[in-house]
Amino acid sequence: MSGYRQAAVALHGLAAEDRGLILAELAQADQSTLRAYLDELNELGFETQALDPGALAATVQAAAPAPDRLAGVSAQTMLALFEAEPAALVAQCLALRDWPWAAPLLALMTPARREAVRAAAPAGARAPARERFLLQALSGRLAMLAPAPVQPPATLLAPLLRLVKSWTR
């Protein structure tokens, strides 16, 4: 799907007033292209409905990863997760919450790395969208680090049957 079509679909779900404000900020060529796609959506029978801000907030909240899962991770695991990451990213992640593994993680780092992370500590206003993104990224990376569960044999006799079969060949 082209960028214009994606934008038109996103705009289509907004209230008419909001859609008009956004379109007014665009260049005339972009406006006409998007208006054509919006007209096409209307002709195809898609109803224009303003999104309920409460429902949207609930959806975003449900999609956000639970920080509790990240809080229960060991400092060694987080060290492995942050091993190849820049100090600025590590500092951003440490600033998200008061993690129980933060101090032990810093203690595990080399002095130079620890100072680089401390020097890169974010200053200024919080950015909720960035925080959600970092939490999701941390959860995803943590899931990739987790070892795959070991599957037990189908039955207790399976190893014995394999042994017997090897003798009969």
N, C-alpha and C. Protein backbone atom coordinates (compact mmCIF):
# COMPACT_ATOMS: atom_id res chain seq x y z
N MET A 1 0.84 -1.16 0.00
CA MET A 1 0.00 0.00 0.00
C MET A 1 0.90 1.24 0.00
N SER A 2 0.58 2.19 -0.84
CA SER A 2 1.39 3.39 -0.95
C SER A 2 1.25 4.25 0.30
N GLY A 3 2.18 5.17 0.46
CA GLY A 3 2.14 6.07 1.60
C GLY A 3 0.90 6.94 1.62
N TYR A 4 0.46 7.37 0.43
CA TYR A 4 -0.76 8.18 0.35
C TYR A 4 -1.98 7.38 0.79
N ARG A 5 -2.03 6.14 0.36
CA ARG A 5 -3.18 5.30 0.74
C ARG A 5 -3.19 5.04 2.24
N GLN A 6 -2.02 4.78 2.80
CA GLN A 6 -1.94 4.57 4.24
C GLN A 6 -2.37 5.83 4.99
N ALA A 7 -1.91 6.98 4.51
CA ALA A 7 -2.29 8.24 5.15
C ALA A 7 -3.79 8.47 5.02
N ALA A 8 -4.36 8.15 3.86
CA ALA A 8 -5.80 8.34 3.67
C ALA A 8 -6.60 7.45 4.61
N VAL A 9 -6.16 6.23 4.79
CA VAL A 9 -6.86 5.32 5.71
C VAL A 9 -6.77 5.87 7.13
N ALA A 10 -5.60 6.37 7.51
CA ALA A 10 -5.45 6.94 8.86
C ALA A 10 -6.31 8.18 9.02
N LEU A 11 -6.34 9.04 8.01
CA LEU A 11 -7.14 10.25 8.08
C LEU A 11 -8.63 9.95 8.07
N HIS A 12 -9.01 8.90 7.38
CA HIS A 12 -10.41 8.54 7.25
C HIS A 12 -11.05 8.26 8.61
N GLY A 13 -10.28 7.76 9.54
CA GLY A 13 -10.81 7.44 10.85
C GLY A 13 -10.90 8.62 11.79
N LEU A 14 -10.43 9.78 11.37
CA LEU A 14 -10.46 10.97 12.22
C LEU A 14 -11.76 11.74 12.05
N ALA A 15 -12.04 12.58 13.02
CA ALA A 15 -13.19 13.48 12.90
C ALA A 15 -12.92 14.45 11.75
N ALA A 16 -13.99 14.92 11.11
CA ALA A 16 -13.86 15.80 9.94
C ALA A 16 -13.05 17.05 10.27
N GLU A 17 -13.25 17.60 11.45
CA GLU A 17 -12.51 18.81 11.84
C GLU A 17 -11.01 18.52 11.94
N ASP A 18 -10.66 17.41 12.58
CA ASP A 18 -9.24 17.05 12.72
C ASP A 18 -8.63 16.75 11.35
N ARG A 19 -9.38 16.04 10.52
CA ARG A 19 -8.90 15.72 9.17
C ARG A 19 -8.63 17.00 8.39
N GLY A 20 -9.53 17.97 8.50
CA GLY A 20 -9.35 19.24 7.81
C GLY A 20 -8.12 20.00 8.30
N LEU A 21 -7.89 19.98 9.60
CA LEU A 21 -6.71 20.65 10.15
C LEU A 21 -5.41 20.03 9.65
N ILE A 22 -5.40 18.71 9.59
CA ILE A 22 -4.19 18.02 9.13
C ILE A 22 -3.97 18.28 7.64
N LEU A 23 -5.02 18.17 6.86
CA LEU A 23 -4.89 18.40 5.42
C LEU A 23 -4.45 19.84 5.12
N ALA A 24 -4.89 20.79 5.93
CA ALA A 24 -4.52 22.19 5.71
C ALA A 24 -3.03 22.42 5.88
N GLU A 25 -2.36 21.57 6.61
CA GLU A 25 -0.92 21.71 6.85
C GLU A 25 -0.07 21.16 5.70
N LEU A 26 -0.69 20.42 4.79
CA LEU A 26 0.04 19.77 3.70
C LEU A 26 0.09 20.65 2.45
N ALA A 27 1.02 20.31 1.58
CA ALA A 27 1.12 21.00 0.29
C ALA A 27 -0.13 20.71 -0.54
N GLN A 28 -0.45 21.61 -1.46
CA GLN A 28 -1.67 21.48 -2.26
C GLN A 28 -1.71 20.15 -3.03
N ALA A 29 -0.59 19.74 -3.59
CA ALA A 29 -0.55 18.48 -4.36
C ALA A 29 -0.87 17.30 -3.45
N ASP A 30 -0.31 17.30 -2.24
CA ASP A 30 -0.58 16.21 -1.29
C ASP A 30 -2.04 16.24 -0.85
N GLN A 31 -2.56 17.43 -0.64
CA GLN A 31 -3.96 17.56 -0.25
C GLN A 31 -4.89 16.96 -1.29
N SER A 32 -4.64 17.30 -2.55
CA SER A 32 -5.53 16.81 -3.61
C SER A 32 -5.44 15.29 -3.75
N THR A 33 -4.24 14.76 -3.63
CA THR A 33 -4.07 13.30 -3.72
C THR A 33 -4.81 12.60 -2.58
N LEU A 34 -4.61 13.11 -1.37
CA LEU A 34 -5.27 12.50 -0.21
C LEU A 34 -6.79 12.66 -0.28
N ARG A 35 -7.26 13.81 -0.74
CA ARG A 35 -8.71 14.00 -0.86
C ARG A 35 -9.30 13.02 -1.88
N ALA A 36 -8.57 12.74 -2.94
CA ALA A 36 -9.04 11.76 -3.93
C ALA A 36 -9.15 10.38 -3.30
N TYR A 37 -8.14 9.99 -2.51
CA TYR A 37 -8.20 8.69 -1.84
C TYR A 37 -9.31 8.66 -0.79
N LEU A 38 -9.52 9.77 -0.08
CA LEU A 38 -10.61 9.83 0.90
C LEU A 38 -11.97 9.71 0.21
N ASP A 39 -12.12 10.37 -0.94
CA ASP A 39 -13.36 10.25 -1.71
C ASP A 39 -13.57 8.80 -2.16
N GLU A 40 -12.48 8.16 -2.58
CA GLU A 40 -12.57 6.76 -3.01
C GLU A 40 -13.04 5.87 -1.86
N LEU A 41 -12.53 6.12 -0.66
CA LEU A 41 -12.97 5.33 0.50
C LEU A 41 -14.46 5.55 0.77
N ASN A 42 -14.91 6.79 0.64
CA ASN A 42 -16.33 7.08 0.84
C ASN A 42 -17.18 6.41 -0.23
N GLU A 43 -16.73 6.42 -1.49
CA GLU A 43 -17.46 5.79 -2.58
C GLU A 43 -17.55 4.28 -2.41
N LEU A 44 -16.51 3.71 -1.81
CA LEU A 44 -16.51 2.26 -1.58
C LEU A 44 -17.40 1.87 -0.41
N GLY A 45 -17.92 2.85 0.30
CA GLY A 45 -18.86 2.55 1.38
C GLY A 45 -18.25 2.51 2.77
N PHE A 46 -17.01 2.90 2.90
CA PHE A 46 -16.42 2.94 4.23
C PHE A 46 -16.99 4.14 4.96
N GLU A 47 -17.53 3.90 6.13
CA GLU A 47 -18.12 4.99 6.89
C GLU A 47 -17.04 5.76 7.62
N THR A 48 -17.18 7.05 7.67
CA THR A 48 -16.26 7.90 8.41
C THR A 48 -16.76 7.98 9.83
N GLN A 49 -15.97 7.47 10.74
CA GLN A 49 -16.33 7.53 12.14
C GLN A 49 -15.15 8.08 12.91
N ALA A 50 -15.43 9.01 13.76
CA ALA A 50 -14.36 9.54 14.60
C ALA A 50 -14.01 8.49 15.64
N LEU A 51 -12.72 8.34 15.87
CA LEU A 51 -12.28 7.38 16.87
C LEU A 51 -12.60 7.89 18.25
N ASP A 52 -13.06 7.03 19.11
CA ASP A 52 -13.33 7.39 20.49
C ASP A 52 -11.99 7.49 21.22
N PRO A 53 -11.62 8.68 21.72
CA PRO A 53 -10.32 8.82 22.37
C PRO A 53 -10.13 7.87 23.55
N GLY A 54 -11.21 7.59 24.28
CA GLY A 54 -11.11 6.65 25.41
C GLY A 54 -10.80 5.24 24.94
N ALA A 55 -11.45 4.82 23.85
CA ALA A 55 -11.19 3.48 23.31
C ALA A 55 -9.79 3.39 22.75
N LEU A 56 -9.35 4.48 22.11
CA LEU A 56 -7.99 4.50 21.56
C LEU A 56 -6.96 4.42 22.68
N ALA A 57 -7.16 5.16 23.75
CA ALA A 57 -6.23 5.12 24.89
C ALA A 57 -6.20 3.73 25.51
N ALA A 58 -7.37 3.08 25.62
CA ALA A 58 -7.42 1.73 26.19
C ALA A 58 -6.68 0.74 25.30
N THR A 59 -6.79 0.91 23.98
CA THR A 59 -6.09 0.03 23.05
C THR A 59 -4.59 0.19 23.17
N VAL A 60 -4.15 1.44 23.25
CA VAL A 60 -2.72 1.71 23.38
C VAL A 60 -2.20 1.15 24.70
N GLN A 61 -2.97 1.32 25.78
CA GLN A 61 -2.55 0.82 27.08
C GLN A 61 -2.47 -0.70 27.08
N ALA A 62 -3.42 -1.37 26.42
CA ALA A 62 -3.41 -2.83 26.37
C ALA A 62 -2.22 -3.34 25.57
N ALA A 63 -1.79 -2.58 24.56
CA ALA A 63 -0.68 -3.02 23.72
C ALA A 63 0.67 -2.78 24.38
N ALA A 64 0.71 -1.93 25.39
CA ALA A 64 1.97 -1.62 26.05
C ALA A 64 2.43 -2.81 26.88
N PRO A 65 3.72 -3.12 26.84
CA PRO A 65 4.22 -4.25 27.61
C PRO A 65 4.18 -3.95 29.10
N ALA A 66 4.01 -4.97 29.89
CA ALA A 66 3.98 -4.80 31.34
C ALA A 66 5.41 -4.62 31.86
N PRO A 67 5.66 -3.49 32.52
CA PRO A 67 7.00 -3.28 33.07
C PRO A 67 7.35 -4.28 34.16
N ASP A 68 6.31 -4.91 34.74
CA ASP A 68 6.57 -5.89 35.80
C ASP A 68 7.42 -7.05 35.29
N ARG A 69 7.19 -7.45 34.07
CA ARG A 69 7.96 -8.56 33.49
C ARG A 69 9.44 -8.18 33.38
N LEU A 70 9.67 -6.93 32.99
CA LEU A 70 11.05 -6.46 32.86
C LEU A 70 11.69 -6.24 34.23
N ALA A 71 10.88 -5.90 35.22
CA ALA A 71 11.42 -5.63 36.55
C ALA A 71 11.98 -6.90 37.19
N GLY A 72 11.46 -8.05 36.82
CA GLY A 72 11.89 -9.30 37.43
C GLY A 72 13.11 -9.93 36.79
N VAL A 73 13.74 -9.25 35.86
CA VAL A 73 14.88 -9.79 35.13
C VAL A 73 16.16 -9.55 35.94
N SER A 74 17.13 -10.41 35.79
CA SER A 74 18.39 -10.25 36.51
C SER A 74 19.29 -9.22 35.83
N ALA A 75 20.21 -8.68 36.59
CA ALA A 75 21.16 -7.70 36.06
C ALA A 75 22.05 -8.34 34.99
N GLN A 76 22.39 -9.62 35.15
CA GLN A 76 23.22 -10.31 34.16
C GLN A 76 22.48 -10.44 32.83
N THR A 77 21.20 -10.71 32.89
CA THR A 77 20.41 -10.81 31.67
C THR A 77 20.35 -9.45 30.98
N MET A 78 20.14 -8.40 31.75
CA MET A 78 20.08 -7.06 31.16
C MET A 78 21.44 -6.65 30.60
N LEU A 79 22.51 -7.08 31.25
CA LEU A 79 23.85 -6.79 30.74
C LEU A 79 24.03 -7.45 29.37
N ALA A 80 23.58 -8.68 29.23
CA ALA A 80 23.65 -9.37 27.94
C ALA A 80 22.78 -8.67 26.90
N LEU A 81 21.63 -8.18 27.34
CA LEU A 81 20.72 -7.51 26.42
C LEU A 81 21.30 -6.19 25.93
N PHE A 82 21.99 -5.45 26.81
CA PHE A 82 22.54 -4.14 26.47
C PHE A 82 23.97 -4.19 25.97
N GLU A 83 24.54 -5.36 25.86
CA GLU A 83 25.96 -5.51 25.56
C GLU A 83 26.41 -4.72 24.33
N ALA A 84 25.69 -4.80 23.25
CA ALA A 84 26.11 -4.15 22.01
C ALA A 84 25.37 -2.84 21.75
N GLU A 85 24.60 -2.37 22.72
CA GLU A 85 23.81 -1.16 22.53
C GLU A 85 24.61 0.08 22.92
N PRO A 86 24.33 1.21 22.28
CA PRO A 86 25.04 2.45 22.64
C PRO A 86 24.65 2.90 24.05
N ALA A 87 25.56 3.63 24.67
CA ALA A 87 25.35 4.10 26.04
C ALA A 87 24.10 4.97 26.15
N ALA A 88 23.81 5.76 25.13
CA ALA A 88 22.64 6.62 25.17
C ALA A 88 21.35 5.81 25.24
N LEU A 89 21.29 4.70 24.54
CA LEU A 89 20.10 3.85 24.58
C LEU A 89 19.96 3.20 25.94
N VAL A 90 21.07 2.74 26.50
CA VAL A 90 21.04 2.13 27.83
C VAL A 90 20.55 3.16 28.85
N ALA A 91 21.05 4.38 28.74
CA ALA A 91 20.64 5.43 29.66
C ALA A 91 19.15 5.73 29.53
N GLN A 92 18.63 5.75 28.29
CA GLN A 92 17.20 5.98 28.07
C GLN A 92 16.38 4.88 28.75
N CYS A 93 16.81 3.64 28.60
CA CYS A 93 16.08 2.52 29.18
C CYS A 93 16.14 2.55 30.70
N LEU A 94 17.29 2.90 31.25
CA LEU A 94 17.41 3.00 32.70
C LEU A 94 16.51 4.10 33.26
N ALA A 95 16.29 5.16 32.49
CA ALA A 95 15.49 6.29 32.95
C ALA A 95 13.99 6.01 32.89
N LEU A 96 13.58 4.91 32.28
CA LEU A 96 12.16 4.62 32.14
C LEU A 96 11.47 4.40 33.49
N ARG A 97 12.13 3.68 34.36
CA ARG A 97 11.57 3.29 35.66
C ARG A 97 12.71 3.19 36.67
N ASP A 98 12.33 3.00 37.92
CA ASP A 98 13.31 2.66 38.95
C ASP A 98 13.42 1.13 38.95
N TRP A 99 14.24 0.61 38.06
CA TRP A 99 14.38 -0.83 37.89
C TRP A 99 15.16 -1.42 39.07
N PRO A 100 14.76 -2.57 39.56
CA PRO A 100 15.53 -3.20 40.64
C PRO A 100 16.92 -3.66 40.17
N TRP A 101 17.10 -3.86 38.89
CA TRP A 101 18.37 -4.34 38.36
C TRP A 101 19.28 -3.20 37.91
N ALA A 102 18.85 -1.95 38.05
CA ALA A 102 19.63 -0.82 37.53
C ALA A 102 20.99 -0.70 38.21
N ALA A 103 21.01 -0.63 39.54
CA ALA A 103 22.29 -0.48 40.25
C ALA A 103 23.19 -1.69 40.05
N PRO A 104 22.68 -2.93 40.17
CA PRO A 104 23.55 -4.08 39.90
C PRO A 104 24.06 -4.11 38.46
N LEU A 105 23.24 -3.67 37.52
CA LEU A 105 23.66 -3.63 36.12
C LEU A 105 24.84 -2.67 35.95
N LEU A 106 24.72 -1.48 36.51
CA LEU A 106 25.81 -0.51 36.42
C LEU A 106 27.07 -1.04 37.10
N ALA A 107 26.90 -1.78 38.19
CA ALA A 107 28.06 -2.34 38.89
C ALA A 107 28.76 -3.41 38.05
N LEU A 108 28.02 -4.11 37.20
CA LEU A 108 28.60 -5.14 36.34
C LEU A 108 29.36 -4.56 35.15
N MET A 109 29.05 -3.30 34.80
CA MET A 109 29.69 -2.68 33.64
C MET A 109 31.11 -2.25 33.97
N THR A 110 31.90 -2.13 32.92
CA THR A 110 33.25 -1.59 33.11
C THR A 110 33.12 -0.13 33.52
N PRO A 111 34.13 0.42 34.21
CA PRO A 111 34.03 1.81 34.64
C PRO A 111 33.81 2.78 33.48
N ALA A 112 34.45 2.55 32.35
CA ALA A 112 34.28 3.45 31.21
C ALA A 112 32.85 3.38 30.67
N ARG A 113 32.33 2.19 30.56
CA ARG A 113 30.96 2.02 30.06
C ARG A 113 29.96 2.65 31.04
N ARG A 114 30.17 2.43 32.33
CA ARG A 114 29.28 2.98 33.35
C ARG A 114 29.26 4.52 33.27
N GLU A 115 30.41 5.12 33.11
CA GLU A 115 30.48 6.58 33.01
C GLU A 115 29.82 7.09 31.73
N ALA A 116 29.98 6.34 30.64
CA ALA A 116 29.35 6.73 29.38
C ALA A 116 27.82 6.68 29.52
N VAL A 117 27.31 5.67 30.20
CA VAL A 117 25.86 5.56 30.41
C VAL A 117 25.38 6.69 31.30
N ARG A 118 26.10 6.96 32.37
CA ARG A 118 25.69 8.06 33.28
C ARG A 118 25.74 9.41 32.57
N ALA A 119 26.75 9.61 31.73
CA ALA A 119 26.87 10.88 31.01
C ALA A 119 25.76 11.06 29.98
N ALA A 120 25.21 9.96 29.49
CA ALA A 120 24.17 10.02 28.47
C ALA A 120 22.77 10.05 29.07
N ALA A 121 22.67 10.20 30.38
CA ALA A 121 21.36 10.22 31.03
C ALA A 121 20.49 11.31 30.41
N PRO A 122 19.25 10.99 30.09
CA PRO A 122 18.39 11.96 29.42
C PRO A 122 18.01 13.11 30.35
N ALA A 123 17.94 14.27 29.77
CA ALA A 123 17.49 15.46 30.50
C ALA A 123 16.33 16.06 29.73
N GLY A 124 15.40 16.61 30.43
CA GLY A 124 14.28 17.25 29.75
C GLY A 124 12.98 16.51 29.96
N ALA A 125 12.01 16.86 29.14
CA ALA A 125 10.66 16.34 29.27
C ALA A 125 10.59 14.86 28.90
N ARG A 126 9.65 14.18 29.51
CA ARG A 126 9.40 12.78 29.19
C ARG A 126 8.68 12.68 27.86
N ALA A 127 8.92 11.60 27.17
CA ALA A 127 8.25 11.35 25.89
C ALA A 127 7.53 10.00 26.00
N PRO A 128 6.22 10.01 26.27
CA PRO A 128 5.49 8.75 26.49
C PRO A 128 5.56 7.79 25.31
N ALA A 129 5.51 8.29 24.09
CA ALA A 129 5.57 7.39 22.93
C ALA A 129 6.93 6.70 22.87
N ARG A 130 8.00 7.43 23.14
CA ARG A 130 9.33 6.84 23.15
C ARG A 130 9.43 5.80 24.26
N GLU A 131 8.87 6.11 25.41
CA GLU A 131 8.91 5.18 26.53
C GLU A 131 8.19 3.88 26.19
N ARG A 132 7.00 3.99 25.58
CA ARG A 132 6.27 2.78 25.17
C ARG A 132 7.09 1.98 24.16
N PHE A 133 7.70 2.68 23.21
CA PHE A 133 8.51 1.99 22.21
C PHE A 133 9.68 1.26 22.87
N LEU A 134 10.36 1.92 23.78
CA LEU A 134 11.50 1.28 24.44
C LEU A 134 11.06 0.08 25.27
N LEU A 135 9.93 0.20 25.96
CA LEU A 135 9.44 -0.94 26.74
C LEU A 135 9.10 -2.11 25.83
N GLN A 136 8.48 -1.83 24.69
CA GLN A 136 8.16 -2.90 23.74
C GLN A 136 9.43 -3.52 23.18
N ALA A 137 10.40 -2.68 22.85
CA ALA A 137 11.66 -3.19 22.31
C ALA A 137 12.39 -4.04 23.34
N LEU A 138 12.40 -3.59 24.59
CA LEU A 138 13.05 -4.37 25.65
C LEU A 138 12.36 -5.72 25.83
N SER A 139 11.03 -5.70 25.83
CA SER A 139 10.28 -6.96 25.97
C SER A 139 10.58 -7.91 24.82
N GLY A 140 10.63 -7.37 23.61
CA GLY A 140 10.94 -8.20 22.45
C GLY A 140 12.33 -8.78 22.50
N ARG A 141 13.31 -7.96 22.86
CA ARG A 141 14.69 -8.44 22.97
C ARG A 141 14.81 -9.46 24.09
N LEU A 142 14.09 -9.24 25.17
CA LEU A 142 14.13 -10.18 26.29
C LEU A 142 13.56 -11.53 25.87
N ALA A 143 12.50 -11.49 25.09
CA ALA A 143 11.90 -12.74 24.59
C ALA A 143 12.87 -13.48 23.68
N MET A 144 13.70 -12.73 22.92
CA MET A 144 14.67 -13.38 22.03
C MET A 144 15.81 -14.00 22.82
N LEU A 145 16.13 -13.42 23.98
CA LEU A 145 17.21 -13.96 24.81
C LEU A 145 16.80 -15.20 25.57
N ALA A 146 15.50 -15.32 25.85
CA ALA A 146 15.01 -16.45 26.64
C ALA A 146 15.26 -17.75 25.90
N PRO A 147 15.81 -18.75 26.58
CA PRO A 147 16.04 -20.03 25.92
C PRO A 147 14.73 -20.73 25.61
N ALA A 148 14.73 -21.48 24.54
CA ALA A 148 13.55 -22.23 24.16
C ALA A 148 13.30 -23.32 25.20
N PRO A 149 12.05 -23.54 25.56
CA PRO A 149 11.77 -24.57 26.56
C PRO A 149 12.13 -25.95 26.04
N VAL A 150 12.64 -26.76 26.92
CA VAL A 150 13.02 -28.12 26.56
C VAL A 150 11.77 -28.98 26.55
N GLN A 151 11.55 -29.66 25.43
CA GLN A 151 10.39 -30.52 25.30
C GLN A 151 10.71 -31.90 25.87
N PRO A 152 9.90 -32.36 26.82
CA PRO A 152 10.13 -33.71 27.33
C PRO A 152 9.75 -34.74 26.27
N PRO A 153 10.27 -35.93 26.37
CA PRO A 153 9.89 -36.96 25.40
C PRO A 153 8.38 -37.20 25.45
N ALA A 154 7.83 -37.67 24.33
CA ALA A 154 6.40 -37.89 24.23
C ALA A 154 5.92 -38.85 25.33
N THR A 155 6.67 -39.89 25.56
CA THR A 155 6.35 -40.83 26.64
C THR A 155 7.65 -41.21 27.33
N LEU A 156 7.51 -41.83 28.45
CA LEU A 156 8.70 -42.29 29.16
C LEU A 156 9.35 -43.47 28.45
N LEU A 157 8.60 -44.14 27.61
CA LEU A 157 9.13 -45.30 26.91
C LEU A 157 9.88 -44.92 25.63
N ALA A 158 9.74 -43.70 25.16
CA ALA A 158 10.34 -43.30 23.90
C ALA A 158 11.85 -43.52 23.88
N PRO A 159 12.62 -43.12 24.90
CA PRO A 159 14.06 -43.38 24.84
C PRO A 159 14.38 -44.88 24.82
N LEU A 160 13.61 -45.66 25.56
CA LEU A 160 13.83 -47.11 25.59
C LEU A 160 13.51 -47.72 24.23
N LEU A 161 12.44 -47.28 23.60
CA LEU A 161 12.09 -47.79 22.28
C LEU A 161 13.17 -47.45 21.25
N ARG A 162 13.72 -46.23 21.32
CA ARG A 162 14.80 -45.87 20.39
C ARG A 162 16.00 -46.77 20.60
N LEU A 163 16.31 -47.08 21.84
CA LEU A 163 17.45 -47.95 22.15
C LEU A 163 17.22 -49.35 21.60
N VAL A 164 16.03 -49.87 21.81
CA VAL A 164 15.71 -51.22 21.33
C VAL A 164 15.74 -51.26 19.80
N LYS A 165 15.22 -50.22 19.15
CA LYS A 165 15.24 -50.19 17.69
C LYS A 165 16.65 -50.17 17.16
N SER A 166 17.53 -49.49 17.86
CA SER A 166 18.92 -49.45 17.38
C SER A 166 19.58 -50.82 17.49
N TRP A 167 19.16 -51.63 18.45
CA TRP A 167 19.72 -52.98 18.61
C TRP A 167 19.18 -53.93 17.54
N THR A 168 17.96 -53.69 17.07
CA THR A 168 17.34 -54.62 16.13
C THR A 168 17.74 -54.36 14.69
N ARG A 169 18.47 -53.35 14.42
CA ARG A 169 18.85 -53.04 13.04
C ARG A 169 20.10 -53.73 12.64
